[in-house]
């Protein structure tokens, strides 16, 4: 029973950490941006990612129904991990950074509104 809350906590922790550290990666890493430029890039990436991730919630629900809970969660965790790891690897391309952040947000969004809680609620 503790697996689902622990996975959700890990997901929130890892995605929040990746988003917070992205300004540091942009300004101190091989991207070579000033802190002001890094903040602007990070804000634009978050906005672009949110615009794509909102419709992806419907796709995530479809994937939960089509593939099942376990396979969907495993796939989305894998995609999120690959996109987070790719951020420093694609430097100094800001366009590739936007793609990685958008993919990460698309993988996170269905997991945050997962149907697991509904599965464990017992109606009497």
PDB file of N, CA and C in Angstrom:
ATOM      1  N   UNK A   1       0.811  -1.207   0.000  1.00  0.00           N
ATOM      2  CA  UNK A   1       0.000   0.000   0.000  1.00  0.00           C
ATOM      3  C   UNK A   1       0.852   1.268   0.000  1.00  0.00           C
ATOM      4  N   UNK A   2       2.070   1.181   0.508  1.00  0.00           N
ATOM      5  CA  UNK A   2       2.918   2.371   0.578  1.00  0.00           C
ATOM      6  C   UNK A   2       3.629   2.672  -0.725  1.00  0.00           C
ATOM      7  N   UNK A   3       3.576   1.766  -1.682  1.00  0.00           N
ATOM      8  CA  UNK A   3       4.304   1.965  -2.928  1.00  0.00           C
ATOM      9  C   UNK A   3       3.768   3.173  -3.695  1.00  0.00           C
ATOM     10  N   UNK A   4       2.472   3.308  -3.782  1.00  0.00           N
ATOM     11  CA  UNK A   4       1.881   4.397  -4.560  1.00  0.00           C
ATOM     12  C   UNK A   4       2.213   5.764  -3.962  1.00  0.00           C
ATOM     13  N   UNK A   5       2.009   5.994  -2.653  1.00  0.00           N
ATOM     14  CA  UNK A   5       2.404   7.299  -2.108  1.00  0.00           C
ATOM     15  C   UNK A   5       3.897   7.573  -2.223  1.00  0.00           C
ATOM     16  N   UNK A   6       4.721   6.533  -2.066  1.00  0.00           N
ATOM     17  CA  UNK A   6       6.165   6.742  -2.184  1.00  0.00           C
ATOM     18  C   UNK A   6       6.570   7.082  -3.616  1.00  0.00           C
ATOM     19  N   UNK A   7       5.968   6.418  -4.588  1.00  0.00           N
ATOM     20  CA  UNK A   7       6.258   6.750  -5.987  1.00  0.00           C
ATOM     21  C   UNK A   7       5.803   8.166  -6.332  1.00  0.00           C
ATOM     22  N   UNK A   8       4.646   8.551  -5.840  1.00  0.00           N
ATOM     23  CA  UNK A   8       4.153   9.906  -6.096  1.00  0.00           C
ATOM     24  C   UNK A   8       5.063  10.936  -5.444  1.00  0.00           C
ATOM     25  N   UNK A   9       5.505  10.673  -4.219  1.00  0.00           N
ATOM     26  CA  UNK A   9       6.431  11.581  -3.551  1.00  0.00           C
ATOM     27  C   UNK A   9       7.735  11.681  -4.329  1.00  0.00           C
ATOM     28  N   UNK A  10       8.271  10.542  -4.764  1.00  0.00           N
ATOM     29  CA  UNK A  10       9.511  10.543  -5.536  1.00  0.00           C
ATOM     30  C   UNK A  10       9.340  11.322  -6.832  1.00  0.00           C
ATOM     31  N   UNK A  11       8.220  11.155  -7.483  1.00  0.00           N
ATOM     32  CA  UNK A  11       7.941  11.869  -8.718  1.00  0.00           C
ATOM     33  C   UNK A  11       7.914  13.371  -8.481  1.00  0.00           C
ATOM     34  N   UNK A  12       7.180  13.807  -7.472  1.00  0.00           N
ATOM     35  CA  UNK A  12       7.113  15.236  -7.173  1.00  0.00           C
ATOM     36  C   UNK A  12       8.480  15.790  -6.801  1.00  0.00           C
ATOM     37  N   UNK A  13       9.216  15.035  -5.995  1.00  0.00           N
ATOM     38  CA  UNK A  13      10.539  15.479  -5.563  1.00  0.00           C
ATOM     39  C   UNK A  13      11.498  15.589  -6.738  1.00  0.00           C
ATOM     40  N   UNK A  14      11.529  14.581  -7.588  1.00  0.00           N
ATOM     41  CA  UNK A  14      12.484  14.586  -8.703  1.00  0.00           C
ATOM     42  C   UNK A  14      12.139  15.643  -9.751  1.00  0.00           C
ATOM     43  N   UNK A  15      10.859  15.811 -10.051  1.00  0.00           N
ATOM     44  CA  UNK A  15      10.503  16.831 -11.046  1.00  0.00           C
ATOM     45  C   UNK A  15      10.724  18.234 -10.503  1.00  0.00           C
ATOM     46  N   UNK A  16      10.415  18.469  -9.231  1.00  0.00           N
ATOM     47  CA  UNK A  16      10.664  19.787  -8.639  1.00  0.00           C
ATOM     48  C   UNK A  16      12.158  20.082  -8.586  1.00  0.00           C
ATOM     49  N   UNK A  17      12.954  19.079  -8.258  1.00  0.00           N
ATOM     50  CA  UNK A  17      14.405  19.252  -8.214  1.00  0.00           C
ATOM     51  C   UNK A  17      14.958  19.570  -9.600  1.00  0.00           C
ATOM     52  N   UNK A  18      14.481  18.873 -10.621  1.00  0.00           N
ATOM     53  CA  UNK A  18      14.959  19.112 -11.978  1.00  0.00           C
ATOM     54  C   UNK A  18      14.584  20.511 -12.453  1.00  0.00           C
ATOM     55  N   UNK A  19      13.382  20.959 -12.123  1.00  0.00           N
ATOM     56  CA  UNK A  19      12.960  22.290 -12.547  1.00  0.00           C
ATOM     57  C   UNK A  19      13.744  23.366 -11.798  1.00  0.00           C
ATOM     58  N   UNK A  20      13.975  23.176 -10.502  1.00  0.00           N
ATOM     59  CA  UNK A  20      14.724  24.166  -9.734  1.00  0.00           C
ATOM     60  C   UNK A  20      16.186  24.234 -10.155  1.00  0.00           C
ATOM     61  N   UNK A  21      16.775  23.108 -10.470  1.00  0.00           N
ATOM     62  CA  UNK A  21      18.187  23.093 -10.844  1.00  0.00           C
ATOM     63  C   UNK A  21      18.423  23.492 -12.299  1.00  0.00           C
ATOM     64  N   UNK A  22      17.368  23.620 -13.075  1.00  0.00           N
ATOM     65  CA  UNK A  22      17.564  23.934 -14.485  1.00  0.00           C
ATOM     66  C   UNK A  22      18.149  25.331 -14.681  1.00  0.00           C
ATOM     67  N   UNK A  23      17.821  26.278 -13.809  1.00  0.00           N
ATOM     68  CA  UNK A  23      18.422  27.615 -13.916  1.00  0.00           C
ATOM     69  C   UNK A  23      19.912  27.523 -13.650  1.00  0.00           C
ATOM     70  N   UNK A  24      20.302  26.705 -12.684  1.00  0.00           N
ATOM     71  CA  UNK A  24      21.726  26.521 -12.384  1.00  0.00           C
ATOM     72  C   UNK A  24      22.440  25.862 -13.551  1.00  0.00           C
ATOM     73  N   UNK A  25      21.807  24.868 -14.151  1.00  0.00           N
ATOM     74  CA  UNK A  25      22.416  24.188 -15.301  1.00  0.00           C
ATOM     75  C   UNK A  25      22.577  25.155 -16.462  1.00  0.00           C
ATOM     76  N   UNK A  26      21.579  26.005 -16.673  1.00  0.00           N
ATOM     77  CA  UNK A  26      21.654  26.967 -17.776  1.00  0.00           C
ATOM     78  C   UNK A  26      22.699  28.045 -17.538  1.00  0.00           C
ATOM     79  N   UNK A  27      22.845  28.490 -16.293  1.00  0.00           N
ATOM     80  CA  UNK A  27      23.754  29.610 -16.041  1.00  0.00           C
ATOM     81  C   UNK A  27      25.177  29.161 -15.705  1.00  0.00           C
ATOM     82  N   UNK A  28      25.343  28.072 -14.980  1.00  0.00           N
ATOM     83  CA  UNK A  28      26.682  27.645 -14.572  1.00  0.00           C
ATOM     84  C   UNK A  28      27.200  26.469 -15.384  1.00  0.00           C
ATOM     85  N   UNK A  29      26.335  25.810 -16.100  1.00  0.00           N
ATOM     86  CA  UNK A  29      26.745  24.648 -16.879  1.00  0.00           C
ATOM     87  C   UNK A  29      27.311  25.052 -18.222  1.00  0.00           C
ATOM     88  N   UNK A  30      27.287  24.130 -19.150  1.00  0.00           N
ATOM     89  CA  UNK A  30      27.879  24.377 -20.464  1.00  0.00           C
ATOM     90  C   UNK A  30      26.993  25.225 -21.374  1.00  0.00           C
ATOM     91  N   UNK A  31      25.798  25.602 -20.887  1.00  0.00           N
ATOM     92  CA  UNK A  31      24.960  26.503 -21.681  1.00  0.00           C
ATOM     93  C   UNK A  31      25.541  27.913 -21.692  1.00  0.00           C
ATOM     94  N   UNK A  32      26.173  28.323 -20.589  1.00  0.00           N
ATOM     95  CA  UNK A  32      26.856  29.612 -20.535  1.00  0.00           C
ATOM     96  C   UNK A  32      25.951  30.827 -20.564  1.00  0.00           C
ATOM     97  N   UNK A  33      24.773  30.741 -20.016  1.00  0.00           N
ATOM     98  CA  UNK A  33      23.842  31.873 -20.000  1.00  0.00           C
ATOM     99  C   UNK A  33      24.005  32.665 -18.707  1.00  0.00           C
ATOM    100  N   UNK A  34      23.650  33.936 -18.771  1.00  0.00           N
ATOM    101  CA  UNK A  34      23.629  34.745 -17.550  1.00  0.00           C
ATOM    102  C   UNK A  34      22.416  34.317 -16.730  1.00  0.00           C
ATOM    103  N   UNK A  35      22.397  34.623 -15.432  1.00  0.00           N
ATOM    104  CA  UNK A  35      21.222  34.259 -14.630  1.00  0.00           C
ATOM    105  C   UNK A  35      19.921  34.849 -15.152  1.00  0.00           C
ATOM    106  N   UNK A  36      19.962  36.047 -15.692  1.00  0.00           N
ATOM    107  CA  UNK A  36      18.752  36.658 -16.255  1.00  0.00           C
ATOM    108  C   UNK A  36      18.285  35.892 -17.491  1.00  0.00           C
ATOM    109  N   UNK A  37      19.223  35.554 -18.371  1.00  0.00           N
ATOM    110  CA  UNK A  37      18.868  34.766 -19.560  1.00  0.00           C
ATOM    111  C   UNK A  37      18.372  33.381 -19.161  1.00  0.00           C
ATOM    112  N   UNK A  38      19.004  32.785 -18.161  1.00  0.00           N
ATOM    113  CA  UNK A  38      18.601  31.447 -17.705  1.00  0.00           C
ATOM    114  C   UNK A  38      17.185  31.478 -17.142  1.00  0.00           C
ATOM    115  N   UNK A  39      16.844  32.505 -16.385  1.00  0.00           N
ATOM    116  CA  UNK A  39      15.479  32.628 -15.858  1.00  0.00           C
ATOM    117  C   UNK A  39      14.462  32.801 -16.980  1.00  0.00           C
ATOM    118  N   UNK A  40      14.815  33.606 -17.990  1.00  0.00           N
ATOM    119  CA  UNK A  40      13.900  33.813 -19.119  1.00  0.00           C
ATOM    120  C   UNK A  40      13.693  32.515 -19.896  1.00  0.00           C
ATOM    121  N   UNK A  41      14.775  31.779 -20.139  1.00  0.00           N
ATOM    122  CA  UNK A  41      14.676  30.507 -20.857  1.00  0.00           C
ATOM    123  C   UNK A  41      13.861  29.508 -20.048  1.00  0.00           C
ATOM    124  N   UNK A  42      14.110  29.446 -18.756  1.00  0.00           N
ATOM    125  CA  UNK A  42      13.394  28.514 -17.896  1.00  0.00           C
ATOM    126  C   UNK A  42      11.901  28.843 -17.844  1.00  0.00           C
ATOM    127  N   UNK A  43      11.563  30.129 -17.767  1.00  0.00           N
ATOM    128  CA  UNK A  43      10.147  30.521 -17.758  1.00  0.00           C
ATOM    129  C   UNK A  43       9.462  30.175 -19.070  1.00  0.00           C
ATOM    130  N   UNK A  44      10.142  30.448 -20.175  1.00  0.00           N
ATOM    131  CA  UNK A  44       9.567  30.139 -21.487  1.00  0.00           C
ATOM    132  C   UNK A  44       9.399  28.627 -21.661  1.00  0.00           C
ATOM    133  N   UNK A  45      10.379  27.856 -21.186  1.00  0.00           N
ATOM    134  CA  UNK A  45      10.283  26.396 -21.288  1.00  0.00           C
ATOM    135  C   UNK A  45       9.122  25.873 -20.452  1.00  0.00           C
ATOM    136  N   UNK A  46       8.923  26.437 -19.262  1.00  0.00           N
ATOM    137  CA  UNK A  46       7.796  26.020 -18.429  1.00  0.00           C
ATOM    138  C   UNK A  46       6.458  26.332 -19.070  1.00  0.00           C
ATOM    139  N   UNK A  47       6.356  27.512 -19.697  1.00  0.00           N
ATOM    140  CA  UNK A  47       5.112  27.893 -20.361  1.00  0.00           C
ATOM    141  C   UNK A  47       4.845  26.991 -21.569  1.00  0.00           C
ATOM    142  N   UNK A  48       5.875  26.762 -22.370  1.00  0.00           N
ATOM    143  CA  UNK A  48       5.698  25.908 -23.544  1.00  0.00           C
ATOM    144  C   UNK A  48       5.363  24.482 -23.133  1.00  0.00           C
ATOM    145  N   UNK A  49       6.020  24.002 -22.085  1.00  0.00           N
ATOM    146  CA  UNK A  49       5.750  22.652 -21.597  1.00  0.00           C
ATOM    147  C   UNK A  49       4.341  22.501 -21.068  1.00  0.00           C
ATOM    148  N   UNK A  50       3.854  23.531 -20.374  1.00  0.00           N
ATOM    149  CA  UNK A  50       2.491  23.474 -19.835  1.00  0.00           C
ATOM    150  C   UNK A  50       1.451  23.465 -20.951  1.00  0.00           C
ATOM    151  N   UNK A  51       1.697  24.239 -21.990  1.00  0.00           N
ATOM    152  CA  UNK A  51       0.743  24.272 -23.106  1.00  0.00           C
ATOM    153  C   UNK A  51       0.628  22.916 -23.799  1.00  0.00           C
ATOM    154  N   UNK A  52       1.732  22.194 -23.869  1.00  0.00           N
ATOM    155  CA  UNK A  52       1.706  20.870 -24.495  1.00  0.00           C
ATOM    156  C   UNK A  52       1.212  19.815 -23.506  1.00  0.00           C
ATOM    157  N   UNK A  53       1.569  19.976 -22.222  1.00  0.00           N
ATOM    158  CA  UNK A  53       1.240  18.954 -21.220  1.00  0.00           C
ATOM    159  C   UNK A  53      -0.245  18.926 -20.876  1.00  0.00           C
ATOM    160  N   UNK A  54      -0.934  20.035 -20.996  1.00  0.00           N
ATOM    161  CA  UNK A  54      -2.364  20.056 -20.649  1.00  0.00           C
ATOM    162  C   UNK A  54      -3.161  19.111 -21.554  1.00  0.00           C
ATOM    163  N   UNK A  55      -3.026  19.191 -22.878  1.00  0.00           N
ATOM    164  CA  UNK A  55      -3.733  18.202 -23.699  1.00  0.00           C
ATOM    165  C   UNK A  55      -3.201  16.776 -23.505  1.00  0.00           C
ATOM    166  N   UNK A  56      -1.949  16.654 -23.089  1.00  0.00           N
ATOM    167  CA  UNK A  56      -1.368  15.329 -22.887  1.00  0.00           C
ATOM    168  C   UNK A  56      -2.007  14.601 -21.715  1.00  0.00           C
ATOM    169  N   UNK A  57      -2.691  15.320 -20.838  1.00  0.00           N
ATOM    170  CA  UNK A  57      -3.431  14.663 -19.754  1.00  0.00           C
ATOM    171  C   UNK A  57      -4.458  13.686 -20.311  1.00  0.00           C
ATOM    172  N   UNK A  58      -5.112  14.072 -21.399  1.00  0.00           N
ATOM    173  CA  UNK A  58      -6.086  13.177 -22.035  1.00  0.00           C
ATOM    174  C   UNK A  58      -5.395  11.949 -22.616  1.00  0.00           C
ATOM    175  N   UNK A  59      -4.230  12.167 -23.208  1.00  0.00           N
ATOM    176  CA  UNK A  59      -3.468  11.042 -23.749  1.00  0.00           C
ATOM    177  C   UNK A  59      -3.042  10.109 -22.615  1.00  0.00           C
ATOM    178  N   UNK A  60      -2.653  10.695 -21.475  1.00  0.00           N
ATOM    179  CA  UNK A  60      -2.267   9.885 -20.329  1.00  0.00           C
ATOM    180  C   UNK A  60      -3.408   9.029 -19.827  1.00  0.00           C
ATOM    181  N   UNK A  61      -4.611   9.592 -19.762  1.00  0.00           N
ATOM    182  CA  UNK A  61      -5.773   8.806 -19.362  1.00  0.00           C
ATOM    183  C   UNK A  61      -6.057   7.680 -20.335  1.00  0.00           C
ATOM    184  N   UNK A  62      -5.884   7.969 -21.624  1.00  0.00           N
ATOM    185  CA  UNK A  62      -6.067   6.935 -22.644  1.00  0.00           C
ATOM    186  C   UNK A  62      -5.031   5.828 -22.476  1.00  0.00           C
ATOM    187  N   UNK A  63      -3.780   6.219 -22.177  1.00  0.00           N
ATOM    188  CA  UNK A  63      -2.727   5.219 -21.977  1.00  0.00           C
ATOM    189  C   UNK A  63      -3.002   4.358 -20.739  1.00  0.00           C
ATOM    190  N   UNK A  64      -3.524   4.977 -19.654  1.00  0.00           N
ATOM    191  CA  UNK A  64      -3.876   4.201 -18.467  1.00  0.00           C
ATOM    192  C   UNK A  64      -4.915   3.136 -18.817  1.00  0.00           C
ATOM    193  N   UNK A  65      -5.893   3.510 -19.619  1.00  0.00           N
ATOM    194  CA  UNK A  65      -6.942   2.562 -19.997  1.00  0.00           C
ATOM    195  C   UNK A  65      -6.443   1.520 -20.997  1.00  0.00           C
ATOM    196  N   UNK A  66      -5.592   1.937 -21.910  1.00  0.00           N
ATOM    197  CA  UNK A  66      -5.139   1.048 -22.973  1.00  0.00           C
ATOM    198  C   UNK A  66      -4.064   0.057 -22.499  1.00  0.00           C
ATOM    199  N   UNK A  67      -3.058   0.552 -21.800  1.00  0.00           N
ATOM    200  CA  UNK A  67      -1.914  -0.289 -21.436  1.00  0.00           C
ATOM    201  C   UNK A  67      -1.969  -0.807 -20.007  1.00  0.00           C
ATOM    202  N   UNK A  68      -2.802  -0.225 -19.182  1.00  0.00           N
ATOM    203  CA  UNK A  68      -2.825  -0.611 -17.775  1.00  0.00           C
ATOM    204  C   UNK A  68      -1.993   0.344 -16.945  1.00  0.00           C
ATOM    205  N   UNK A  69      -2.187   0.285 -15.637  1.00  0.00           N
ATOM    206  CA  UNK A  69      -1.542   1.224 -14.732  1.00  0.00           C
ATOM    207  C   UNK A  69      -0.022   1.023 -14.675  1.00  0.00           C
ATOM    208  N   UNK A  70       0.410  -0.213 -14.468  1.00  0.00           N
ATOM    209  CA  UNK A  70       1.831  -0.478 -14.250  1.00  0.00           C
ATOM    210  C   UNK A  70       2.673  -0.113 -15.471  1.00  0.00           C
ATOM    211  N   UNK A  71       2.269  -0.568 -16.648  1.00  0.00           N
ATOM    212  CA  UNK A  71       3.048  -0.292 -17.856  1.00  0.00           C
ATOM    213  C   UNK A  71       3.085   1.194 -18.171  1.00  0.00           C
ATOM    214  N   UNK A  72       1.974   1.878 -17.959  1.00  0.00           N
ATOM    215  CA  UNK A  72       1.940   3.311 -18.228  1.00  0.00           C
ATOM    216  C   UNK A  72       2.852   4.065 -17.279  1.00  0.00           C
ATOM    217  N   UNK A  73       2.786   3.739 -15.987  1.00  0.00           N
ATOM    218  CA  UNK A  73       3.641   4.420 -15.013  1.00  0.00           C
ATOM    219  C   UNK A  73       5.109   4.138 -15.298  1.00  0.00           C
ATOM    220  N   UNK A  74       5.443   2.885 -15.603  1.00  0.00           N
ATOM    221  CA  UNK A  74       6.829   2.535 -15.899  1.00  0.00           C
ATOM    222  C   UNK A  74       7.326   3.283 -17.141  1.00  0.00           C
ATOM    223  N   UNK A  75       6.499   3.344 -18.169  1.00  0.00           N
ATOM    224  CA  UNK A  75       6.877   4.044 -19.397  1.00  0.00           C
ATOM    225  C   UNK A  75       7.067   5.538 -19.150  1.00  0.00           C
ATOM    226  N   UNK A  76       6.135   6.152 -18.441  1.00  0.00           N
ATOM    227  CA  UNK A  76       6.229   7.591 -18.199  1.00  0.00           C
ATOM    228  C   UNK A  76       7.393   7.939 -17.275  1.00  0.00           C
ATOM    229  N   UNK A  77       7.675   7.094 -16.269  1.00  0.00           N
ATOM    230  CA  UNK A  77       8.862   7.307 -15.432  1.00  0.00           C
ATOM    231  C   UNK A  77      10.139   7.210 -16.268  1.00  0.00           C
ATOM    232  N   UNK A  78      10.187   6.241 -17.167  1.00  0.00           N
ATOM    233  CA  UNK A  78      11.358   6.078 -18.021  1.00  0.00           C
ATOM    234  C   UNK A  78      11.546   7.293 -18.929  1.00  0.00           C
ATOM    235  N   UNK A  79      10.465   7.745 -19.555  1.00  0.00           N
ATOM    236  CA  UNK A  79      10.543   8.908 -20.441  1.00  0.00           C
ATOM    237  C   UNK A  79      10.966  10.149 -19.664  1.00  0.00           C
ATOM    238  N   UNK A  80      10.400  10.323 -18.456  1.00  0.00           N
ATOM    239  CA  UNK A  80      10.774  11.471 -17.644  1.00  0.00           C
ATOM    240  C   UNK A  80      12.252  11.412 -17.269  1.00  0.00           C
ATOM    241  N   UNK A  81      12.736  10.242 -16.883  1.00  0.00           N
ATOM    242  CA  UNK A  81      14.146  10.103 -16.519  1.00  0.00           C
ATOM    243  C   UNK A  81      15.085  10.389 -17.672  1.00  0.00           C
ATOM    244  N   UNK A  82      14.749   9.885 -18.843  1.00  0.00           N
ATOM    245  CA  UNK A  82      15.582  10.124 -20.020  1.00  0.00           C
ATOM    246  C   UNK A  82      15.604  11.609 -20.362  1.00  0.00           C
ATOM    247  N   UNK A  83      14.462  12.275 -20.259  1.00  0.00           N
ATOM    248  CA  UNK A  83      14.436  13.701 -20.599  1.00  0.00           C
ATOM    249  C   UNK A  83      15.207  14.531 -19.577  1.00  0.00           C
ATOM    250  N   UNK A  84      15.156  14.167 -18.302  1.00  0.00           N
ATOM    251  CA  UNK A  84      15.922  14.906 -17.287  1.00  0.00           C
ATOM    252  C   UNK A  84      17.419  14.687 -17.484  1.00  0.00           C
ATOM    253  N   UNK A  85      17.815  13.452 -17.744  1.00  0.00           N
ATOM    254  CA  UNK A  85      19.231  13.159 -17.957  1.00  0.00           C
ATOM    255  C   UNK A  85      19.748  13.835 -19.224  1.00  0.00           C
ATOM    256  N   UNK A  86      18.883  14.021 -20.204  1.00  0.00           N
ATOM    257  CA  UNK A  86      19.299  14.603 -21.485  1.00  0.00           C
ATOM    258  C   UNK A  86      19.553  16.101 -21.419  1.00  0.00           C
ATOM    259  N   UNK A  87      19.038  16.777 -20.409  1.00  0.00           N
ATOM    260  CA  UNK A  87      19.180  18.240 -20.353  1.00  0.00           C
ATOM    261  C   UNK A  87      20.648  18.671 -20.399  1.00  0.00           C
ATOM    262  N   UNK A  88      21.532  18.137 -19.551  1.00  0.00           N
ATOM    263  CA  UNK A  88      22.938  18.568 -19.691  1.00  0.00           C
ATOM    264  C   UNK A  88      23.630  17.992 -20.926  1.00  0.00           C
ATOM    265  N   UNK A  89      23.122  16.897 -21.445  1.00  0.00           N
ATOM    266  CA  UNK A  89      23.771  16.265 -22.598  1.00  0.00           C
ATOM    267  C   UNK A  89      23.536  17.017 -23.895  1.00  0.00           C
ATOM    268  N   UNK A  90      22.429  17.745 -24.000  1.00  0.00           N
ATOM    269  CA  UNK A  90      22.106  18.442 -25.248  1.00  0.00           C
ATOM    270  C   UNK A  90      22.630  19.870 -25.266  1.00  0.00           C
ATOM    271  N   UNK A  91      23.363  20.266 -24.225  1.00  0.00           N
ATOM    272  CA  UNK A  91      23.879  21.635 -24.172  1.00  0.00           C
ATOM    273  C   UNK A  91      24.894  21.839 -25.283  1.00  0.00           C
ATOM    274  N   UNK A  92      25.011  23.030 -25.788  1.00  0.00           N
ATOM    275  CA  UNK A  92      24.413  24.310 -25.447  1.00  0.00           C
ATOM    276  C   UNK A  92      23.169  24.666 -26.255  1.00  0.00           C
ATOM    277  N   UNK A  93      22.498  23.688 -26.837  1.00  0.00           N
ATOM    278  CA  UNK A  93      21.322  23.954 -27.664  1.00  0.00           C
ATOM    279  C   UNK A  93      20.102  24.279 -26.787  1.00  0.00           C
ATOM    280  N   UNK A  94      19.633  25.521 -26.869  1.00  0.00           N
ATOM    281  CA  UNK A  94      18.472  25.938 -26.088  1.00  0.00           C
ATOM    282  C   UNK A  94      17.203  25.290 -26.652  1.00  0.00           C
ATOM    283  N   UNK A  95      17.141  25.093 -27.948  1.00  0.00           N
ATOM    284  CA  UNK A  95      15.987  24.431 -28.553  1.00  0.00           C
ATOM    285  C   UNK A  95      15.820  23.008 -28.052  1.00  0.00           C
ATOM    286  N   UNK A  96      16.938  22.292 -27.930  1.00  0.00           N
ATOM    287  CA  UNK A  96      16.881  20.926 -27.390  1.00  0.00           C
ATOM    288  C   UNK A  96      16.507  20.948 -25.912  1.00  0.00           C
ATOM    289  N   UNK A  97      16.913  21.998 -25.194  1.00  0.00           N
ATOM    290  CA  UNK A  97      16.507  22.149 -23.796  1.00  0.00           C
ATOM    291  C   UNK A  97      14.994  22.298 -23.699  1.00  0.00           C
ATOM    292  N   UNK A  98      14.417  23.108 -24.595  1.00  0.00           N
ATOM    293  CA  UNK A  98      12.956  23.265 -24.618  1.00  0.00           C
ATOM    294  C   UNK A  98      12.263  21.920 -24.863  1.00  0.00           C
ATOM    295  N   UNK A  99      12.806  21.132 -25.767  1.00  0.00           N
ATOM    296  CA  UNK A  99      12.219  19.822 -26.067  1.00  0.00           C
ATOM    297  C   UNK A  99      12.290  18.911 -24.840  1.00  0.00           C
ATOM    298  N   UNK A 100      13.448  18.879 -24.179  1.00  0.00           N
ATOM    299  CA  UNK A 100      13.599  18.021 -22.988  1.00  0.00           C
ATOM    300  C   UNK A 100      12.648  18.439 -21.883  1.00  0.00           C
ATOM    301  N   UNK A 101      12.521  19.741 -21.648  1.00  0.00           N
ATOM    302  CA  UNK A 101      11.618  20.208 -20.593  1.00  0.00           C
ATOM    303  C   UNK A 101      10.166  19.915 -20.945  1.00  0.00           C
ATOM    304  N   UNK A 102       9.802  20.061 -22.207  1.00  0.00           N
ATOM    305  CA  UNK A 102       8.428  19.782 -22.627  1.00  0.00           C
ATOM    306  C   UNK A 102       8.122  18.295 -22.483  1.00  0.00           C
ATOM    307  N   UNK A 103       9.043  17.442 -22.885  1.00  0.00           N
ATOM    308  CA  UNK A 103       8.844  15.995 -22.740  1.00  0.00           C
ATOM    309  C   UNK A 103       8.730  15.623 -21.269  1.00  0.00           C
ATOM    310  N   UNK A 104       9.561  16.241 -20.424  1.00  0.00           N
ATOM    311  CA  UNK A 104       9.497  15.957 -18.994  1.00  0.00           C
ATOM    312  C   UNK A 104       8.131  16.345 -18.425  1.00  0.00           C
ATOM    313  N   UNK A 105       7.638  17.517 -18.780  1.00  0.00           N
ATOM    314  CA  UNK A 105       6.344  17.954 -18.274  1.00  0.00           C
ATOM    315  C   UNK A 105       5.203  17.099 -18.814  1.00  0.00           C
ATOM    316  N   UNK A 106       5.320  16.635 -20.043  1.00  0.00           N
ATOM    317  CA  UNK A 106       4.290  15.744 -20.594  1.00  0.00           C
ATOM    318  C   UNK A 106       4.283  14.400 -19.885  1.00  0.00           C
ATOM    319  N   UNK A 107       5.449  13.914 -19.480  1.00  0.00           N
ATOM    320  CA  UNK A 107       5.514  12.633 -18.772  1.00  0.00           C
ATOM    321  C   UNK A 107       5.049  12.770 -17.332  1.00  0.00           C
ATOM    322  N   UNK A 108       5.258  13.920 -16.719  1.00  0.00           N
ATOM    323  CA  UNK A 108       4.879  14.129 -15.322  1.00  0.00           C
ATOM    324  C   UNK A 108       3.381  14.350 -15.164  1.00  0.00           C
ATOM    325  N   UNK A 109       2.771  15.069 -16.086  1.00  0.00           N
ATOM    326  CA  UNK A 109       1.376  15.493 -15.889  1.00  0.00           C
ATOM    327  C   UNK A 109       0.389  14.344 -15.712  1.00  0.00           C
ATOM    328  N   UNK A 110       0.419  13.271 -16.505  1.00  0.00           N
ATOM    329  CA  UNK A 110      -0.538  12.182 -16.242  1.00  0.00           C
ATOM    330  C   UNK A 110      -0.278  11.468 -14.923  1.00  0.00           C
ATOM    331  N   UNK A 111       0.982  11.437 -14.492  1.00  0.00           N
ATOM    332  CA  UNK A 111       1.302  10.755 -13.248  1.00  0.00           C
ATOM    333  C   UNK A 111       0.804  11.517 -12.027  1.00  0.00           C
ATOM    334  N   UNK A 112       0.735  12.831 -12.136  1.00  0.00           N
ATOM    335  CA  UNK A 112       0.277  13.628 -10.994  1.00  0.00           C
ATOM    336  C   UNK A 112      -1.230  13.526 -10.781  1.00  0.00           C
ATOM    337  N   UNK A 113      -1.950  13.214 -11.820  1.00  0.00           N
ATOM    338  CA  UNK A 113      -3.410  13.061 -11.689  1.00  0.00           C
ATOM    339  C   UNK A 113      -3.790  11.600 -11.925  1.00  0.00           C
ATOM    340  N   UNK A 114      -2.978  10.709 -11.381  1.00  0.00           N
ATOM    341  CA  UNK A 114      -3.176   9.283 -11.618  1.00  0.00           C
ATOM    342  C   UNK A 114      -4.424   8.758 -10.914  1.00  0.00           C
ATOM    343  N   UNK A 115      -4.955   7.665 -11.417  1.00  0.00           N
ATOM    344  CA  UNK A 115      -6.166   7.089 -10.825  1.00  0.00           C
ATOM    345  C   UNK A 115      -5.902   6.115  -9.688  1.00  0.00           C
ATOM    346  N   UNK A 116      -4.685   6.096  -9.137  1.00  0.00           N
ATOM    347  CA  UNK A 116      -4.356   5.115  -8.114  1.00  0.00           C
ATOM    348  C   UNK A 116      -5.157   5.298  -6.839  1.00  0.00           C
ATOM    349  N   UNK A 117      -5.400   6.526  -6.452  1.00  0.00           N
ATOM    350  CA  UNK A 117      -6.165   6.761  -5.228  1.00  0.00           C
ATOM    351  C   UNK A 117      -7.560   6.198  -5.368  1.00  0.00           C
ATOM    352  N   UNK A 118      -8.158   6.362  -6.523  1.00  0.00           N
ATOM    353  CA  UNK A 118      -9.492   5.807  -6.757  1.00  0.00           C
ATOM    354  C   UNK A 118      -9.498   4.286  -6.690  1.00  0.00           C
ATOM    355  N   UNK A 119      -8.394   3.654  -7.052  1.00  0.00           N
ATOM    356  CA  UNK A 119      -8.303   2.202  -7.003  1.00  0.00           C
ATOM    357  C   UNK A 119      -8.299   1.676  -5.581  1.00  0.00           C
ATOM    358  N   UNK A 120      -7.777   2.469  -4.642  1.00  0.00           N
ATOM    359  CA  UNK A 120      -7.651   1.999  -3.263  1.00  0.00           C
ATOM    360  C   UNK A 120      -8.787   2.437  -2.362  1.00  0.00           C
ATOM    361  N   UNK A 121      -9.680   3.288  -2.857  1.00  0.00           N
ATOM    362  CA  UNK A 121     -10.809   3.724  -2.052  1.00  0.00           C
ATOM    363  C   UNK A 121     -11.885   2.651  -2.114  1.00  0.00           C
ATOM    364  N   UNK A 122     -12.340   2.226  -0.965  1.00  0.00           N
ATOM    365  CA  UNK A 122     -13.363   1.195  -0.888  1.00  0.00           C
ATOM    366  C   UNK A 122     -14.694   1.865  -0.550  1.00  0.00           C
ATOM    367  N   UNK A 123     -15.690   1.631  -1.384  1.00  0.00           N
ATOM    368  CA  UNK A 123     -17.018   2.183  -1.144  1.00  0.00           C
ATOM    369  C   UNK A 123     -17.828   1.143  -0.395  1.00  0.00           C
ATOM    370  N   UNK A 124     -18.406   1.557   0.720  1.00  0.00           N
ATOM    371  CA  UNK A 124     -19.199   0.620   1.536  1.00  0.00           C
ATOM    372  C   UNK A 124     -20.675   0.852   1.316  1.00  0.00           C
TER     373      UNK A 124
END
